[in-house]
C-alpha atoms as a PDB file:
ATOM      1  CA  UNK A   1      -0.160  -0.019   0.035  1.00  0.00           C
ATOM      2  CA  UNK A   2       2.999   2.028   0.940  1.00  0.00           C
ATOM      3  CA  UNK A   3       4.448   1.877  -2.776  1.00  0.00           C
ATOM      4  CA  UNK A   4       0.872   2.544  -4.062  1.00  0.00           C
ATOM      5  CA  UNK A   5       1.272   5.697  -2.080  1.00  0.00           C
ATOM      6  CA  UNK A   6       4.323   6.520  -3.826  1.00  0.00           C
ATOM      7  CA  UNK A   7       3.198   5.992  -7.086  1.00  0.00           C
ATOM      8  CA  UNK A   8       0.599   7.991  -7.309  1.00  0.00           C
ATOM      9  CA  UNK A   9       1.853  11.520  -7.934  1.00  0.00           C
ATOM     10  CA  UNK A  10       3.884   9.894 -10.751  1.00  0.00           C
ATOM     11  CA  UNK A  11       0.450   8.465 -12.478  1.00  0.00           C
ATOM     12  CA  UNK A  12      -1.355  11.908 -12.321  1.00  0.00           C
ATOM     13  CA  UNK A  13       1.545  13.064 -13.650  1.00  0.00           C
ATOM     14  CA  UNK A  14       1.473  10.909 -16.547  1.00  0.00           C
ATOM     15  CA  UNK A  15      -2.218  11.495 -16.956  1.00  0.00           C
ATOM     16  CA  UNK A  16      -2.215  15.222 -16.554  1.00  0.00           C
ATOM     17  CA  UNK A  17       0.727  15.468 -19.379  1.00  0.00           C
ATOM     18  CA  UNK A  18      -0.833  13.079 -22.123  1.00  0.00           C
ATOM     19  CA  UNK A  19      -4.363  15.081 -21.492  1.00  0.00           C
ATOM     20  CA  UNK A  20      -2.263  18.298 -22.627  1.00  0.00           C
ATOM     21  CA  UNK A  21      -0.671  16.484 -25.387  1.00  0.00           C
ATOM     22  CA  UNK A  22      -3.797  14.383 -26.473  1.00  0.00           C
ATOM     23  CA  UNK A  23      -5.718  18.128 -26.800  1.00  0.00           C
ATOM     24  CA  UNK A  24      -3.030  20.082 -28.252  1.00  0.00           C
ATOM     25  CA  UNK A  25      -3.178  17.746 -31.339  1.00  0.00           C
ATOM     26  CA  UNK A  26      -6.837  18.685 -32.033  1.00  0.00           C
ATOM     27  CA  UNK A  27      -6.499  22.579 -31.935  1.00  0.00           C
ATOM     28  CA  UNK A  28      -7.501  23.963 -35.157  1.00  0.00           C
ATOM     29  CA  UNK A  29      -3.692  26.013 -36.641  1.00  0.00           C
ATOM     30  CA  UNK A  30      -5.932  29.185 -37.157  1.00  0.00           C
ATOM     31  CA  UNK A  31      -7.406  30.436 -39.931  1.00  0.00           C
ATOM     32  CA  UNK A  32      -5.564  31.803 -43.277  1.00  0.00           C
ATOM     33  CA  UNK A  33      -4.796  35.040 -44.217  1.00  0.00           C
ATOM     34  CA  UNK A  34      -8.440  35.990 -46.017  1.00  0.00           C
ATOM     35  CA  UNK A  35      -6.984  38.304 -48.928  1.00  0.00           C
ATOM     36  CA  UNK A  36      -9.306  39.484 -51.203  1.00  0.00           C
ATOM     37  CA  UNK A  37     -10.064  41.687 -54.338  1.00  0.00           C
ATOM     38  CA  UNK A  38     -11.848  44.633 -53.884  1.00  0.00           C
ATOM     39  CA  UNK A  39     -12.951  47.157 -56.615  1.00  0.00           C
ATOM     40  CA  UNK A  40     -12.790  51.260 -56.762  1.00  0.00           C
ATOM     41  CA  UNK A  41     -16.580  51.967 -57.629  1.00  0.00           C
ATOM     42  CA  UNK A  42     -16.886  55.383 -57.405  1.00  0.00           C
ATOM     43  CA  UNK A  43     -16.246  57.990 -60.350  1.00  0.00           C
ATOM     44  CA  UNK A  44     -14.199  60.126 -58.399  1.00  0.00           C
ATOM     45  CA  UNK A  45     -10.235  60.352 -57.839  1.00  0.00           C
ATOM     46  CA  UNK A  46     -10.257  62.336 -54.677  1.00  0.00           C
ATOM     47  CA  UNK A  47      -7.861  61.319 -51.372  1.00  0.00           C
ATOM     48  CA  UNK A  48     -11.091  60.826 -49.105  1.00  0.00           C
ATOM     49  CA  UNK A  49     -13.199  59.020 -51.677  1.00  0.00           C
ATOM     50  CA  UNK A  50     -10.742  56.516 -52.294  1.00  0.00           C
ATOM     51  CA  UNK A  51      -9.874  56.027 -48.846  1.00  0.00           C
ATOM     52  CA  UNK A  52     -13.482  55.472 -48.373  1.00  0.00           C
ATOM     53  CA  UNK A  53     -14.571  52.068 -47.818  1.00  0.00           C
ATOM     54  CA  UNK A  54     -18.304  52.046 -48.858  1.00  0.00           C
ATOM     55  CA  UNK A  55     -16.938  53.487 -52.280  1.00  0.00           C
ATOM     56  CA  UNK A  56     -15.255  49.781 -52.934  1.00  0.00           C
ATOM     57  CA  UNK A  57     -16.938  46.296 -53.683  1.00  0.00           C
ATOM     58  CA  UNK A  58     -15.781  42.775 -53.121  1.00  0.00           C
ATOM     59  CA  UNK A  59     -15.586  40.956 -56.848  1.00  0.00           C
ATOM     60  CA  UNK A  60     -13.877  37.668 -57.975  1.00  0.00           C
ATOM     61  CA  UNK A  61     -10.193  37.826 -59.152  1.00  0.00           C
ATOM     62  CA  UNK A  62     -11.436  36.958 -62.296  1.00  0.00           C
ATOM     63  CA  UNK A  63     -13.326  40.434 -62.962  1.00  0.00           C
ATOM     64  CA  UNK A  64     -10.880  43.014 -64.635  1.00  0.00           C
ATOM     65  CA  UNK A  65     -13.177  44.118 -67.654  1.00  0.00           C
ATOM     66  CA  UNK A  66     -13.004  47.738 -66.439  1.00  0.00           C
ATOM     67  CA  UNK A  67      -9.178  48.087 -65.680  1.00  0.00           C
ATOM     68  CA  UNK A  68      -6.956  50.126 -67.634  1.00  0.00           C
ATOM     69  CA  UNK A  69      -3.395  50.328 -67.270  1.00  0.00           C
ATOM     70  CA  UNK A  70      -2.909  53.977 -67.432  1.00  0.00           C
ATOM     71  CA  UNK A  71      -6.279  55.641 -65.929  1.00  0.00           C
ATOM     72  CA  UNK A  72      -6.398  57.909 -63.155  1.00  0.00           C
ATOM     73  CA  UNK A  73      -8.572  56.132 -60.699  1.00  0.00           C
ATOM     74  CA  UNK A  74      -7.450  53.272 -58.795  1.00  0.00           C
ATOM     75  CA  UNK A  75      -9.477  50.076 -59.620  1.00  0.00           C
ATOM     76  CA  UNK A  76      -8.927  47.097 -57.642  1.00  0.00           C
ATOM     77  CA  UNK A  77      -7.198  46.277 -54.318  1.00  0.00           C
ATOM     78  CA  UNK A  78      -5.711  42.567 -52.912  1.00  0.00           C
ATOM     79  CA  UNK A  79      -5.912  43.162 -49.243  1.00  0.00           C
ATOM     80  CA  UNK A  80      -6.626  41.143 -46.447  1.00  0.00           C
ATOM     81  CA  UNK A  81     -10.541  42.008 -45.033  1.00  0.00           C
ATOM     82  CA  UNK A  82     -13.110  39.416 -45.711  1.00  0.00           C
ATOM     83  CA  UNK A  83     -16.070  42.140 -45.288  1.00  0.00           C
ATOM     84  CA  UNK A  84     -16.607  46.250 -45.665  1.00  0.00           C
ATOM     85  CA  UNK A  85     -15.856  46.135 -41.856  1.00  0.00           C
ATOM     86  CA  UNK A  86     -12.325  44.589 -41.977  1.00  0.00           C
ATOM     87  CA  UNK A  87     -11.407  46.871 -45.098  1.00  0.00           C
ATOM     88  CA  UNK A  88     -12.665  49.973 -42.930  1.00  0.00           C
ATOM     89  CA  UNK A  89      -9.821  48.765 -40.685  1.00  0.00           C
ATOM     90  CA  UNK A  90      -7.387  48.033 -43.504  1.00  0.00           C
ATOM     91  CA  UNK A  91      -8.007  51.633 -44.844  1.00  0.00           C
ATOM     92  CA  UNK A  92      -7.835  53.832 -41.820  1.00  0.00           C
ATOM     93  CA  UNK A  93      -4.706  52.236 -40.786  1.00  0.00           C
ATOM     94  CA  UNK A  94      -2.704  52.969 -43.798  1.00  0.00           C
ATOM     95  CA  UNK A  95      -2.216  56.366 -45.647  1.00  0.00           C
ATOM     96  CA  UNK A  96      -3.705  57.148 -49.389  1.00  0.00           C
ATOM     97  CA  UNK A  97       0.408  56.952 -50.693  1.00  0.00           C
ATOM     98  CA  UNK A  98       0.168  52.641 -49.941  1.00  0.00           C
ATOM     99  CA  UNK A  99      -3.398  52.244 -51.189  1.00  0.00           C
ATOM    100  CA  UNK A 100      -2.646  54.308 -54.523  1.00  0.00           C
ATOM    101  CA  UNK A 101       0.800  52.295 -54.633  1.00  0.00           C
ATOM    102  CA  UNK A 102      -1.071  48.715 -54.342  1.00  0.00           C
ATOM    103  CA  UNK A 103      -3.181  49.665 -56.355  1.00  0.00           C
ATOM    104  CA  UNK A 104      -3.682  46.841 -59.445  1.00  0.00           C
ATOM    105  CA  UNK A 105      -4.475  48.517 -62.827  1.00  0.00           C
ATOM    106  CA  UNK A 106      -6.523  51.706 -62.894  1.00  0.00           C
ATOM    107  CA  UNK A 107      -9.963  52.815 -64.322  1.00  0.00           C
ATOM    108  CA  UNK A 108     -10.741  55.676 -67.172  1.00  0.00           C
END
């Protein structure tokens, strides 16, 4: 009986460690980056309008029919924003120079 009392802490430690290892094996690796294409949908080229998230719409990457190489307005950006709220946070955390530099294509 005395030997069993001495072994109980070791059994408890082994059980605790095995629970930790088995539970950590089933944790998700986290969500992948959710980069999306956003298209500028406003006739203005004004900086304030470009930085307004309400002037951008999410679209499929293949929708490039209105983007041209040498126009003045931004066309699309590829950023980590799943929805308009995340786009608003992204635009609020950067400046117009960055947005204009990451714009892929432009509009007439």
